[in-house]
Amino acid sequence: MTDDTVLDTKLVEPSMTAGEVEMLLFALDRSRAQFAWKAGGLDAAGLRRPFPPSAMTLAGLLKHLAFLEDYYVFRDLTGQMGGPWKQADFEGTPDWEWHSALEDSPEELYALWSGAVERSRAAWAAILADGGLDQPSKIVLDSGESPNLRRILVDLHDEYARHVGHADLFREAVDGLVGEDPPQE
């Protein structure tokens, strides 16, 4: 149930007195590293294994989190959707990323997620270089409000916090891998 693909799990911990932006970005990167460790290195059977009664799989989690990286960054930060999602049939299949992931190879899923994380990191760095977390996002809610960047960053981290827990349980069921943080070499 293993694959040779290695996902980035390297953590660079900031100073204990780092500022808000650095700490929030580190918290997100730590959750990304935890997810990469739990989802990485599996073959198609390991990634596609369902965990009843849920229909969730690690393959679905990879594609869902890749989608959310692009969704939060490109829709909310730049005002337009990016990545490979333009052709996705979200209207016909609301959980499209979860279901279509079962047709993707491990290599495709790992590349999709890694690419989305890279795009997201670059976009956050660029937009935060122009100002802090109090900047409004590009998305306008029905209320007429635009969430600030802090809210967008916290929402993205919240998605990881939720799904790292799923990945932790799923991976243990697949091959017994347990632990909180990936080993740092």
C-alpha atoms as a PDB file:
ATOM      1  CA  MET A   1       0.000   0.000   0.000  1.00  0.00           C
ATOM      2  CA  THR A   2       2.921   2.340  -0.465  1.00  0.00           C
ATOM      3  CA  ASP A   3       4.105   4.646  -3.200  1.00  0.00           C
ATOM      4  CA  ASP A   4       7.496   6.319  -3.638  1.00  0.00           C
ATOM      5  CA  THR A   5       6.073   9.850  -3.756  1.00  0.00           C
ATOM      6  CA  VAL A   6       7.422  11.992  -0.930  1.00  0.00           C
ATOM      7  CA  LEU A   7       5.502  15.086   0.121  1.00  0.00           C
ATOM      8  CA  ASP A   8       7.139  18.020   1.869  1.00  0.00           C
ATOM      9  CA  THR A   9       6.887  17.607   5.639  1.00  0.00           C
ATOM     10  CA  LYS A  10       9.754  19.929   6.613  1.00  0.00           C
ATOM     11  CA  LEU A  11       8.890  22.371   9.370  1.00  0.00           C
ATOM     12  CA  VAL A  12      10.755  25.586  10.086  1.00  0.00           C
ATOM     13  CA  GLU A  13       9.514  26.728  13.465  1.00  0.00           C
ATOM     14  CA  PRO A  14       9.469  30.487  14.023  1.00  0.00           C
ATOM     15  CA  SER A  15      10.762  32.211  17.121  1.00  0.00           C
ATOM     16  CA  MET A  16       8.510  31.878  20.149  1.00  0.00           C
ATOM     17  CA  THR A  17       8.094  35.662  19.964  1.00  0.00           C
ATOM     18  CA  ALA A  18       7.256  35.851  16.242  1.00  0.00           C
ATOM     19  CA  GLY A  19       4.456  38.130  15.105  1.00  0.00           C
ATOM     20  CA  GLU A  20       0.896  37.235  14.237  1.00  0.00           C
ATOM     21  CA  VAL A  21       1.410  36.716  10.501  1.00  0.00           C
ATOM     22  CA  GLU A  22       4.440  34.475  10.932  1.00  0.00           C
ATOM     23  CA  MET A  23       2.708  32.409  13.633  1.00  0.00           C
ATOM     24  CA  LEU A  24      -0.498  31.969  11.633  1.00  0.00           C
ATOM     25  CA  LEU A  25       1.412  30.967   8.501  1.00  0.00           C
ATOM     26  CA  PHE A  26       3.474  28.515  10.574  1.00  0.00           C
ATOM     27  CA  ALA A  27       0.319  26.995  12.080  1.00  0.00           C
ATOM     28  CA  LEU A  28      -1.018  26.457   8.561  1.00  0.00           C
ATOM     29  CA  ASP A  29       2.295  24.992   7.364  1.00  0.00           C
ATOM     30  CA  ARG A  30       2.445  22.677  10.378  1.00  0.00           C
ATOM     31  CA  SER A  31      -1.030  21.371   9.557  1.00  0.00           C
ATOM     32  CA  ARG A  32      -0.006  20.973   5.914  1.00  0.00           C
ATOM     33  CA  ALA A  33       3.068  18.982   6.997  1.00  0.00           C
ATOM     34  CA  GLN A  34       0.976  16.783   9.279  1.00  0.00           C
ATOM     35  CA  PHE A  35      -1.466  16.160   6.439  1.00  0.00           C
ATOM     36  CA  ALA A  36       1.344  15.434   3.964  1.00  0.00           C
ATOM     37  CA  TRP A  37       2.833  12.899   6.369  1.00  0.00           C
ATOM     38  CA  LYS A  38      -0.501  11.139   6.859  1.00  0.00           C
ATOM     39  CA  ALA A  39      -1.526  11.169   3.193  1.00  0.00           C
ATOM     40  CA  GLY A  40       1.898  10.715   1.580  1.00  0.00           C
ATOM     41  CA  GLY A  41       3.559   7.598   0.279  1.00  0.00           C
ATOM     42  CA  LEU A  42       0.433   5.531  -0.343  1.00  0.00           C
ATOM     43  CA  ASP A  43      -0.526   3.682  -3.489  1.00  0.00           C
ATOM     44  CA  ALA A  44      -3.934   3.911  -5.172  1.00  0.00           C
ATOM     45  CA  ALA A  45      -5.467   1.211  -2.958  1.00  0.00           C
ATOM     46  CA  GLY A  46      -4.383   2.994   0.219  1.00  0.00           C
ATOM     47  CA  LEU A  47      -5.603   6.376  -1.015  1.00  0.00           C
ATOM     48  CA  ARG A  48      -8.942   5.036  -2.277  1.00  0.00           C
ATOM     49  CA  ARG A  49      -9.810   2.943   0.761  1.00  0.00           C
ATOM     50  CA  PRO A  50     -13.196   4.033   2.126  1.00  0.00           C
ATOM     51  CA  PHE A  51     -13.910   4.343   5.832  1.00  0.00           C
ATOM     52  CA  PRO A  52     -17.599   3.539   6.343  1.00  0.00           C
ATOM     53  CA  PRO A  53     -20.012   4.858   7.212  1.00  0.00           C
ATOM     54  CA  SER A  54     -18.287   7.873   5.640  1.00  0.00           C
ATOM     55  CA  ALA A  55     -17.515   7.933   1.929  1.00  0.00           C
ATOM     56  CA  MET A  56     -14.321   9.901   2.660  1.00  0.00           C
ATOM     57  CA  THR A  57     -10.967   8.653   1.401  1.00  0.00           C
ATOM     58  CA  LEU A  58      -7.433   9.975   1.609  1.00  0.00           C
ATOM     59  CA  ALA A  59      -7.628  10.497  -2.173  1.00  0.00           C
ATOM     60  CA  GLY A  60     -10.696  12.672  -1.664  1.00  0.00           C
ATOM     61  CA  LEU A  61      -8.991  14.583   1.140  1.00  0.00           C
ATOM     62  CA  LEU A  62      -5.977  15.317  -1.076  1.00  0.00           C
ATOM     63  CA  LYS A  63      -8.123  16.692  -3.873  1.00  0.00           C
ATOM     64  CA  HIS A  64     -10.488  18.536  -1.519  1.00  0.00           C
ATOM     65  CA  LEU A  65      -7.629  20.315   0.265  1.00  0.00           C
ATOM     66  CA  ALA A  66      -5.954  21.105  -3.070  1.00  0.00           C
ATOM     67  CA  PHE A  67      -9.234  22.665  -4.185  1.00  0.00           C
ATOM     68  CA  LEU A  68      -9.560  24.654  -0.953  1.00  0.00           C
ATOM     69  CA  GLU A  69      -5.996  25.988  -1.227  1.00  0.00           C
ATOM     70  CA  ASP A  70      -6.862  27.403  -4.654  1.00  0.00           C
ATOM     71  CA  TYR A  71     -10.401  28.403  -3.675  1.00  0.00           C
ATOM     72  CA  TYR A  72      -9.428  30.476  -0.650  1.00  0.00           C
ATOM     73  CA  VAL A  73      -6.427  32.028  -2.347  1.00  0.00           C
ATOM     74  CA  PHE A  74      -7.700  32.726  -5.819  1.00  0.00           C
ATOM     75  CA  ARG A  75     -11.366  33.397  -5.183  1.00  0.00           C
ATOM     76  CA  ASP A  76     -10.894  35.293  -1.940  1.00  0.00           C
ATOM     77  CA  LEU A  77      -7.503  36.939  -2.426  1.00  0.00           C
ATOM     78  CA  THR A  78      -7.427  37.643  -6.158  1.00  0.00           C
ATOM     79  CA  GLY A  79     -11.130  37.542  -6.985  1.00  0.00           C
ATOM     80  CA  GLN A  80     -10.886  34.816  -9.602  1.00  0.00           C
ATOM     81  CA  MET A  81     -10.762  31.046  -9.500  1.00  0.00           C
ATOM     82  CA  GLY A  82      -7.479  29.504 -10.539  1.00  0.00           C
ATOM     83  CA  GLY A  83      -5.856  26.139 -10.836  1.00  0.00           C
ATOM     84  CA  PRO A  84      -7.377  23.180 -12.636  1.00  0.00           C
ATOM     85  CA  TRP A  85     -10.857  23.810 -11.245  1.00  0.00           C
ATOM     86  CA  LYS A  86     -12.444  25.696 -14.142  1.00  0.00           C
ATOM     87  CA  GLN A  87     -13.560  22.466 -15.833  1.00  0.00           C
ATOM     88  CA  ALA A  88     -14.891  20.887 -12.630  1.00  0.00           C
ATOM     89  CA  ASP A  89     -18.603  20.070 -12.569  1.00  0.00           C
ATOM     90  CA  PHE A  90     -19.397  21.399  -9.100  1.00  0.00           C
ATOM     91  CA  GLU A  91     -22.977  22.252 -10.072  1.00  0.00           C
ATOM     92  CA  GLY A  92     -23.782  18.789 -11.413  1.00  0.00           C
ATOM     93  CA  THR A  93     -21.774  17.048  -8.704  1.00  0.00           C
ATOM     94  CA  PRO A  94     -21.466  19.231  -5.591  1.00  0.00           C
ATOM     95  CA  ASP A  95     -18.796  16.977  -4.052  1.00  0.00           C
ATOM     96  CA  TRP A  96     -16.986  16.610  -7.369  1.00  0.00           C
ATOM     97  CA  GLU A  97     -13.467  16.741  -5.922  1.00  0.00           C
ATOM     98  CA  TRP A  98     -14.230  13.946  -3.448  1.00  0.00           C
ATOM     99  CA  HIS A  99     -15.688  11.600  -6.078  1.00  0.00           C
ATOM    100  CA  SER A 100     -13.409  12.368  -9.016  1.00  0.00           C
ATOM    101  CA  ALA A 101     -10.328  11.773  -6.838  1.00  0.00           C
ATOM    102  CA  LEU A 102     -11.048   8.048  -7.022  1.00  0.00           C
ATOM    103  CA  GLU A 103     -10.181   8.192 -10.737  1.00  0.00           C
ATOM    104  CA  ASP A 104      -6.862  10.002 -10.213  1.00  0.00           C
ATOM    105  CA  SER A 105      -3.517   8.286  -9.757  1.00  0.00           C
ATOM    106  CA  PRO A 106      -1.494   8.857  -6.591  1.00  0.00           C
ATOM    107  CA  GLU A 107       1.013  10.844  -8.657  1.00  0.00           C
ATOM    108  CA  GLU A 108      -1.733  13.109 -10.013  1.00  0.00           C
ATOM    109  CA  LEU A 109      -3.218  13.675  -6.563  1.00  0.00           C
ATOM    110  CA  TYR A 110       0.117  14.366  -4.898  1.00  0.00           C
ATOM    111  CA  ALA A 111       1.120  16.771  -7.695  1.00  0.00           C
ATOM    112  CA  LEU A 112      -2.260  18.512  -7.552  1.00  0.00           C
ATOM    113  CA  TRP A 113      -2.069  19.056  -3.788  1.00  0.00           C
ATOM    114  CA  SER A 114       1.619  20.060  -3.800  1.00  0.00           C
ATOM    115  CA  GLY A 115       1.035  22.494  -6.666  1.00  0.00           C
ATOM    116  CA  ALA A 116      -1.926  24.079  -4.890  1.00  0.00           C
ATOM    117  CA  VAL A 117       0.121  24.502  -1.703  1.00  0.00           C
ATOM    118  CA  GLU A 118       2.960  26.136  -3.670  1.00  0.00           C
ATOM    119  CA  ARG A 119       0.530  28.524  -5.414  1.00  0.00           C
ATOM    120  CA  SER A 120      -1.080  29.352  -2.104  1.00  0.00           C
ATOM    121  CA  ARG A 121       2.212  30.049  -0.323  1.00  0.00           C
ATOM    122  CA  ALA A 122       3.325  32.322  -3.161  1.00  0.00           C
ATOM    123  CA  ALA A 123       0.014  34.191  -3.225  1.00  0.00           C
ATOM    124  CA  TRP A 124      -0.018  34.697   0.552  1.00  0.00           C
ATOM    125  CA  ALA A 125       3.567  35.971   0.499  1.00  0.00           C
ATOM    126  CA  ALA A 126       2.788  38.433  -2.304  1.00  0.00           C
ATOM    127  CA  ILE A 127      -0.428  39.798  -0.855  1.00  0.00           C
ATOM    128  CA  LEU A 128       0.935  40.055   2.694  1.00  0.00           C
ATOM    129  CA  ALA A 129       3.964  41.943   1.352  1.00  0.00           C
ATOM    130  CA  ASP A 130       1.484  44.649   0.322  1.00  0.00           C
ATOM    131  CA  GLY A 131      -0.071  44.913   3.782  1.00  0.00           C
ATOM    132  CA  GLY A 132      -1.180  42.974   6.817  1.00  0.00           C
ATOM    133  CA  LEU A 133      -4.037  40.684   7.696  1.00  0.00           C
ATOM    134  CA  ASP A 134      -6.495  43.556   8.111  1.00  0.00           C
ATOM    135  CA  GLN A 135      -6.719  43.994   4.323  1.00  0.00           C
ATOM    136  CA  PRO A 136     -10.121  43.079   2.894  1.00  0.00           C
ATOM    137  CA  SER A 137     -10.401  40.027   0.694  1.00  0.00           C
ATOM    138  CA  LYS A 138     -11.811  40.243  -2.842  1.00  0.00           C
ATOM    139  CA  ILE A 139     -14.911  38.237  -2.009  1.00  0.00           C
ATOM    140  CA  VAL A 140     -18.066  40.170  -1.149  1.00  0.00           C
ATOM    141  CA  LEU A 141     -20.596  38.317   0.982  1.00  0.00           C
ATOM    142  CA  ASP A 142     -24.369  38.654   0.635  1.00  0.00           C
ATOM    143  CA  SER A 143     -24.213  41.047   3.608  1.00  0.00           C
ATOM    144  CA  GLY A 144     -21.974  43.343   1.551  1.00  0.00           C
ATOM    145  CA  GLU A 145     -18.990  42.663   3.807  1.00  0.00           C
ATOM    146  CA  SER A 146     -15.593  41.471   2.643  1.00  0.00           C
ATOM    147  CA  PRO A 147     -13.818  39.241   5.161  1.00  0.00           C
ATOM    148  CA  ASN A 148     -10.323  40.412   6.020  1.00  0.00           C
ATOM    149  CA  LEU A 149      -7.281  38.297   5.163  1.00  0.00           C
ATOM    150  CA  ARG A 150      -7.011  37.119   8.764  1.00  0.00           C
ATOM    151  CA  ARG A 151     -10.422  35.467   8.445  1.00  0.00           C
ATOM    152  CA  ILE A 152      -9.474  33.806   5.149  1.00  0.00           C
ATOM    153  CA  LEU A 153      -6.215  32.469   6.605  1.00  0.00           C
ATOM    154  CA  VAL A 154      -7.947  31.179   9.739  1.00  0.00           C
ATOM    155  CA  ASP A 155     -10.677  29.539   7.630  1.00  0.00           C
ATOM    156  CA  LEU A 156      -8.071  27.742   5.502  1.00  0.00           C
ATOM    157  CA  HIS A 157      -6.257  26.543   8.618  1.00  0.00           C
ATOM    158  CA  ASP A 158      -9.592  25.421  10.081  1.00  0.00           C
ATOM    159  CA  GLU A 159     -10.123  23.178   7.046  1.00  0.00           C
ATOM    160  CA  TYR A 160      -6.735  21.571   7.615  1.00  0.00           C
ATOM    161  CA  ALA A 161      -7.343  21.165  11.353  1.00  0.00           C
ATOM    162  CA  ARG A 162     -10.559  19.286  10.608  1.00  0.00           C
ATOM    163  CA  HIS A 163      -9.138  17.093   7.884  1.00  0.00           C
ATOM    164  CA  VAL A 164      -5.778  16.294   9.512  1.00  0.00           C
ATOM    165  CA  GLY A 165      -7.820  14.507  12.163  1.00  0.00           C
ATOM    166  CA  HIS A 166      -9.557  12.454   9.484  1.00  0.00           C
ATOM    167  CA  ALA A 167      -6.259  11.697   7.746  1.00  0.00           C
ATOM    168  CA  ASP A 168      -4.707  10.628  11.047  1.00  0.00           C
ATOM    169  CA  LEU A 169      -7.406   8.010  11.651  1.00  0.00           C
ATOM    170  CA  PHE A 170      -7.536   6.873   8.025  1.00  0.00           C
ATOM    171  CA  ARG A 171      -3.774   6.401   7.771  1.00  0.00           C
ATOM    172  CA  GLU A 172      -3.635   4.400  10.986  1.00  0.00           C
ATOM    173  CA  ALA A 173      -6.327   2.106   9.569  1.00  0.00           C
ATOM    174  CA  VAL A 174      -4.450   1.708   6.262  1.00  0.00           C
ATOM    175  CA  ASP A 175      -1.003   0.772   7.565  1.00  0.00           C
ATOM    176  CA  GLY A 176      -0.699   1.600  11.253  1.00  0.00           C
ATOM    177  CA  LEU A 177       1.187   4.909  10.905  1.00  0.00           C
ATOM    178  CA  VAL A 178       0.625   6.984  14.044  1.00  0.00           C
ATOM    179  CA  GLY A 179       2.050  10.160  15.540  1.00  0.00           C
ATOM    180  CA  GLU A 180       1.402  13.873  15.820  1.00  0.00           C
ATOM    181  CA  ASP A 181       4.167  15.526  13.815  1.00  0.00           C
ATOM    182  CA  PRO A 182       6.181  14.159  10.910  1.00  0.00           C
ATOM    183  CA  PRO A 183       9.743  13.156  11.738  1.00  0.00           C
ATOM    184  CA  GLN A 184      12.197  15.995  11.088  1.00  0.00           C
ATOM    185  CA  GLU A 185      15.535  14.921   9.676  1.00  0.00           C
END
